[in-house]
């Protein structure tokens, strides 16, 4: 009931007025206005509001079809936020004469849609520039006598570098613009007849083959990062400089541990 009441207030105020309050409170402007994925063809604020109606829950059919007869679906949340904070992007582009690629991206925003909008509009541009830098190494018509770096390594490196640059860009944008929260990033890149998947966060990619699901990504969360570091310390204890062990801070403090004695450094 509270969620419905809040939605009614937001609808009465209008999207622009809600955004203006954020601008005035922080003293910074918004880098990108709130929007939905471009392939949904929601051109006006009225169309966005209709699409987000929790009572009607309309089924939208994009005016333009997506590549390879692919589809897109989303479930409206239970009123936890004013707007849908998730974003998506689909692009087809070309890095050389015969070398083309298809890009799918999903961005799950949290504590605000700003970072998800930013990543959905800019990550593919950063990745495209990275692919241009290695295009001559991926040219199928050019056969080098000795190729020391494989195509897979080059493309994976381009994806990793693009994610790193996007994360750095968001950090800079937070200093200049009104940009709260963060977002996950999940990218599926089809190039040279192969599928490459990169992710940061807990958005997941699955490959369905003969009705069987196959995971194509692994969650990247604080817990998984802790486990990764502990495994790395077990395999290479010299990295700790004989000062710590992999079991330091192994037990994560919980609410039930309040008032209890715990080992610490």
Protein backbone atom coordinates (compact mmCIF):
# COMPACT_ATOMS: atom_id res chain seq x y z
CA UNK A 1 0.00 0.00 0.00
CA UNK A 2 2.83 2.40 0.89
CA UNK A 3 4.52 1.60 -2.41
CA UNK A 4 1.35 2.37 -4.37
CA UNK A 5 0.84 5.61 -2.45
CA UNK A 6 4.43 6.67 -3.18
CA UNK A 7 4.02 5.82 -6.89
CA UNK A 8 0.89 7.97 -7.03
CA UNK A 9 2.80 10.91 -5.54
CA UNK A 10 5.64 10.49 -8.03
CA UNK A 11 3.19 10.30 -10.92
CA UNK A 12 1.47 13.46 -9.74
CA UNK A 13 4.78 15.30 -9.39
CA UNK A 14 6.04 14.13 -12.76
CA UNK A 15 9.41 12.70 -13.68
CA UNK A 16 11.00 16.08 -14.36
CA UNK A 17 10.11 17.47 -10.95
CA UNK A 18 11.53 14.45 -9.15
CA UNK A 19 14.76 14.85 -11.09
CA UNK A 20 14.90 18.59 -10.36
CA UNK A 21 14.81 17.91 -6.63
CA UNK A 22 17.91 15.72 -6.96
CA UNK A 23 19.72 18.39 -8.92
CA UNK A 24 18.94 21.18 -6.46
CA UNK A 25 19.83 19.11 -3.41
CA UNK A 26 23.30 18.07 -4.63
CA UNK A 27 24.19 21.17 -6.60
CA UNK A 28 25.25 19.00 -9.54
CA UNK A 29 23.55 18.30 -12.83
CA UNK A 30 22.60 14.89 -14.18
CA UNK A 31 24.89 13.52 -16.89
CA UNK A 32 22.15 11.55 -18.65
CA UNK A 33 18.43 11.97 -18.12
CA UNK A 34 16.57 8.86 -17.01
CA UNK A 35 15.66 6.69 -19.97
CA UNK A 36 14.86 3.15 -20.98
CA UNK A 37 16.79 0.97 -23.46
CA UNK A 38 16.77 2.62 -26.88
CA UNK A 39 15.45 -0.49 -28.64
CA UNK A 40 12.19 -0.20 -26.66
CA UNK A 41 11.53 3.03 -28.58
CA UNK A 42 10.09 4.85 -25.56
CA UNK A 43 10.71 8.35 -26.84
CA UNK A 44 8.76 10.46 -24.35
CA UNK A 45 8.33 10.65 -20.59
CA UNK A 46 4.66 9.77 -21.01
CA UNK A 47 5.57 6.51 -22.75
CA UNK A 48 8.05 5.69 -19.99
CA UNK A 49 5.44 6.29 -17.30
CA UNK A 50 2.91 4.06 -19.07
CA UNK A 51 5.50 1.30 -19.41
CA UNK A 52 6.24 1.50 -15.67
CA UNK A 53 2.60 1.33 -14.60
CA UNK A 54 2.44 -1.30 -11.85
CA UNK A 55 -1.28 -1.88 -12.34
CA UNK A 56 -1.50 -2.13 -16.12
CA UNK A 57 1.84 -3.94 -16.67
CA UNK A 58 1.73 -3.45 -20.44
CA UNK A 59 3.39 -5.77 -22.95
CA UNK A 60 5.59 -3.68 -25.24
CA UNK A 61 6.64 -4.80 -28.69
CA UNK A 62 9.65 -2.83 -30.05
CA UNK A 63 9.14 -1.15 -33.40
CA UNK A 64 12.47 -2.50 -34.62
CA UNK A 65 13.45 -6.15 -34.25
CA UNK A 66 16.62 -7.06 -32.38
CA UNK A 67 19.52 -8.89 -34.07
CA UNK A 68 19.16 -12.63 -34.64
CA UNK A 69 15.47 -12.58 -33.64
CA UNK A 70 16.55 -12.11 -30.02
CA UNK A 71 14.14 -10.88 -27.39
CA UNK A 72 14.07 -8.77 -24.26
CA UNK A 73 11.85 -9.06 -21.18
CA UNK A 74 11.78 -7.43 -17.78
CA UNK A 75 9.62 -7.76 -14.68
CA UNK A 76 8.37 -4.64 -12.92
CA UNK A 77 9.42 -4.61 -9.27
CA UNK A 78 7.04 -4.24 -6.34
CA UNK A 79 7.36 -0.48 -6.03
CA UNK A 80 10.71 -0.49 -4.20
CA UNK A 81 11.93 2.35 -6.42
CA UNK A 82 10.31 5.10 -8.44
CA UNK A 83 11.76 3.89 -11.74
CA UNK A 84 13.06 0.65 -13.18
CA UNK A 85 16.80 0.92 -12.48
CA UNK A 86 17.82 -1.77 -14.99
CA UNK A 87 19.19 -0.92 -18.41
CA UNK A 88 20.11 -2.85 -21.54
CA UNK A 89 21.91 -2.19 -24.81
CA UNK A 90 22.21 -3.94 -28.17
CA UNK A 91 24.61 -2.85 -30.91
CA UNK A 92 25.95 -4.25 -34.15
CA UNK A 93 29.10 -2.67 -35.51
CA UNK A 94 32.19 -3.20 -37.64
CA UNK A 95 35.87 -2.81 -36.81
CA UNK A 96 37.32 -3.57 -40.23
CA UNK A 97 36.22 -4.51 -43.73
CA UNK A 98 34.80 -7.95 -42.99
CA UNK A 99 35.08 -8.06 -39.21
CA UNK A 100 31.74 -7.34 -37.54
CA UNK A 101 30.45 -7.99 -34.05
CA UNK A 102 27.21 -8.00 -32.08
CA UNK A 103 27.06 -6.64 -28.55
CA UNK A 104 24.44 -7.33 -25.87
CA UNK A 105 24.65 -5.63 -22.47
CA UNK A 106 22.61 -5.83 -19.27
CA UNK A 107 23.12 -3.36 -16.42
CA UNK A 108 21.35 -3.82 -13.08
CA UNK A 109 21.35 -0.53 -11.21
CA UNK A 110 21.12 -0.26 -7.45
CA UNK A 111 20.45 2.78 -5.26
CA UNK A 112 19.56 4.71 -8.39
CA UNK A 113 19.54 4.29 -12.18
CA UNK A 114 22.31 6.79 -12.99
CA UNK A 115 25.28 4.40 -13.23
CA UNK A 116 23.27 1.85 -15.22
CA UNK A 117 22.24 4.51 -17.74
CA UNK A 118 25.83 5.74 -17.99
CA UNK A 119 27.23 2.24 -18.58
CA UNK A 120 24.53 1.32 -21.10
CA UNK A 121 25.37 4.37 -23.21
CA UNK A 122 29.15 4.38 -22.95
CA UNK A 123 30.57 0.90 -22.31
CA UNK A 124 30.03 -0.25 -25.90
CA UNK A 125 31.82 2.86 -27.19
CA UNK A 126 34.82 2.13 -24.98
CA UNK A 127 34.85 -1.51 -26.10
CA UNK A 128 34.59 -0.46 -29.75
CA UNK A 129 37.69 1.71 -29.40
CA UNK A 130 39.55 -1.21 -27.80
CA UNK A 131 38.57 -3.51 -30.67
CA UNK A 132 39.76 -0.91 -33.19
CA UNK A 133 43.17 -0.96 -31.53
CA UNK A 134 43.55 -4.70 -32.12
CA UNK A 135 41.65 -4.91 -35.42
CA UNK A 136 44.79 -5.47 -37.51
CA UNK A 137 45.65 -8.48 -35.33
CA UNK A 138 42.17 -9.93 -35.89
CA UNK A 139 42.10 -9.39 -39.67
CA UNK A 140 41.39 -12.81 -41.16
CA UNK A 141 42.91 -11.81 -44.49
CA UNK A 142 46.27 -11.10 -42.88
CA UNK A 143 48.28 -14.14 -41.82
CA UNK A 144 51.31 -13.31 -39.71
CA UNK A 145 54.29 -15.69 -39.88
CA UNK A 146 54.35 -15.91 -36.09
CA UNK A 147 51.38 -14.89 -33.99
CA UNK A 148 52.44 -14.90 -30.37
CA UNK A 149 49.16 -13.61 -28.95
CA UNK A 150 45.97 -15.52 -29.72
CA UNK A 151 42.77 -13.88 -30.91
CA UNK A 152 41.02 -15.03 -27.74
CA UNK A 153 43.60 -13.29 -25.56
CA UNK A 154 43.27 -10.06 -27.53
CA UNK A 155 39.47 -9.97 -27.33
CA UNK A 156 39.42 -10.94 -23.65
CA UNK A 157 41.98 -8.23 -22.98
CA UNK A 158 39.83 -5.69 -24.83
CA UNK A 159 36.81 -6.63 -22.69
CA UNK A 160 38.76 -6.47 -19.44
CA UNK A 161 40.29 -3.13 -20.38
CA UNK A 162 36.88 -1.72 -21.37
CA UNK A 163 35.36 -2.74 -18.02
CA UNK A 164 38.29 -1.17 -16.18
CA UNK A 165 37.97 2.09 -18.10
CA UNK A 166 34.19 2.19 -17.59
CA UNK A 167 34.59 1.73 -13.85
CA UNK A 168 37.18 4.53 -13.77
CA UNK A 169 34.90 6.77 -15.83
CA UNK A 170 31.99 6.28 -13.44
CA UNK A 171 34.30 7.17 -10.56
CA UNK A 172 35.19 10.43 -12.29
CA UNK A 173 31.58 11.15 -13.24
CA UNK A 174 30.50 10.83 -9.61
CA UNK A 175 32.69 13.83 -8.80
CA UNK A 176 31.15 15.97 -11.53
CA UNK A 177 27.53 14.86 -11.82
CA UNK A 178 24.62 13.68 -9.72
CA UNK A 179 25.22 9.94 -9.84
CA UNK A 180 24.21 7.75 -6.91
CA UNK A 181 24.60 4.03 -6.36
CA UNK A 182 26.19 1.70 -8.87
CA UNK A 183 25.34 -1.12 -11.25
CA UNK A 184 26.32 -4.54 -12.44
CA UNK A 185 27.53 -5.09 -15.98
CA UNK A 186 27.03 -8.19 -18.11
CA UNK A 187 28.20 -8.20 -21.73
CA UNK A 188 27.85 -10.88 -24.39
CA UNK A 189 30.06 -10.22 -27.41
CA UNK A 190 29.70 -12.25 -30.62
CA UNK A 191 32.77 -11.87 -32.82
CA UNK A 192 34.77 -14.17 -35.12
CA UNK A 193 32.14 -16.87 -34.72
CA UNK A 194 32.60 -17.07 -30.95
CA UNK A 195 30.76 -15.89 -27.86
CA UNK A 196 32.65 -13.94 -25.20
CA UNK A 197 30.96 -13.12 -21.89
CA UNK A 198 32.22 -10.60 -19.34
CA UNK A 199 30.53 -9.58 -16.11
CA UNK A 200 31.00 -7.51 -12.98
CA UNK A 201 28.47 -8.07 -10.23
CA UNK A 202 25.77 -10.71 -9.86
CA UNK A 203 23.92 -10.48 -13.18
CA UNK A 204 24.07 -13.90 -14.82
CA UNK A 205 24.37 -15.26 -18.35
CA UNK A 206 23.05 -18.70 -19.29
CA UNK A 207 23.40 -20.70 -22.48
CA UNK A 208 20.44 -22.96 -23.22
CA UNK A 209 21.25 -25.93 -25.44
CA UNK A 210 18.73 -28.71 -26.02
CA UNK A 211 16.67 -27.46 -23.05
CA UNK A 212 19.72 -27.70 -20.78
CA UNK A 213 21.08 -24.53 -19.09
CA UNK A 214 24.81 -23.90 -18.97
CA UNK A 215 26.24 -21.06 -16.85
CA UNK A 216 28.28 -18.60 -18.90
CA UNK A 217 29.24 -16.29 -16.03
CA UNK A 218 30.11 -16.39 -12.36
CA UNK A 219 28.84 -13.95 -9.75
CA UNK A 220 31.32 -11.30 -8.71
CA UNK A 221 30.35 -10.18 -5.20
CA UNK A 222 32.23 -9.23 -2.01
CA UNK A 223 31.82 -12.83 -0.81
CA UNK A 224 33.17 -14.37 -4.02
CA UNK A 225 36.06 -11.89 -4.03
CA UNK A 226 36.93 -12.89 -0.47
CA UNK A 227 36.96 -16.56 -1.50
CA UNK A 228 39.10 -15.76 -4.56
CA UNK A 229 41.69 -13.97 -2.45
CA UNK A 230 41.77 -16.77 0.12
CA UNK A 231 42.36 -19.34 -2.62
CA UNK A 232 45.09 -17.18 -4.16
CA UNK A 233 46.79 -16.85 -0.76
CA UNK A 234 46.64 -20.62 -0.32
CA UNK A 235 48.31 -21.21 -3.69
CA UNK A 236 50.85 -18.37 -3.34
CA UNK A 237 51.47 -17.73 0.38
CA UNK A 238 54.59 -15.67 -0.39
CA UNK A 239 52.31 -12.85 -1.56
CA UNK A 240 51.38 -12.25 2.08
CA UNK A 241 54.99 -11.51 3.03
CA UNK A 242 54.87 -13.87 6.05
CA UNK A 243 52.80 -11.22 7.82
CA UNK A 244 49.28 -12.59 7.36
CA UNK A 245 47.69 -15.95 6.66
CA UNK A 246 44.84 -16.80 4.34
CA UNK A 247 42.66 -17.47 7.38
CA UNK A 248 42.90 -13.89 8.66
CA UNK A 249 39.38 -12.43 8.77
CA UNK A 250 38.09 -15.81 7.58
CA UNK A 251 35.02 -15.53 9.79
CA UNK A 252 32.80 -12.71 8.65
CA UNK A 253 31.28 -10.80 11.59
CA UNK A 254 27.53 -11.27 11.79
CA UNK A 255 24.78 -9.68 13.84
CA UNK A 256 24.82 -12.62 16.24
CA UNK A 257 28.48 -11.86 17.02
CA UNK A 258 27.67 -8.49 18.59
CA UNK A 259 28.99 -8.42 22.14
CA UNK A 260 31.19 -11.50 21.57
CA UNK A 261 34.99 -11.71 21.63
CA UNK A 262 36.66 -12.04 18.23
CA UNK A 263 40.27 -12.20 17.11
CA UNK A 264 41.42 -9.19 15.14
CA UNK A 265 44.60 -7.37 14.10
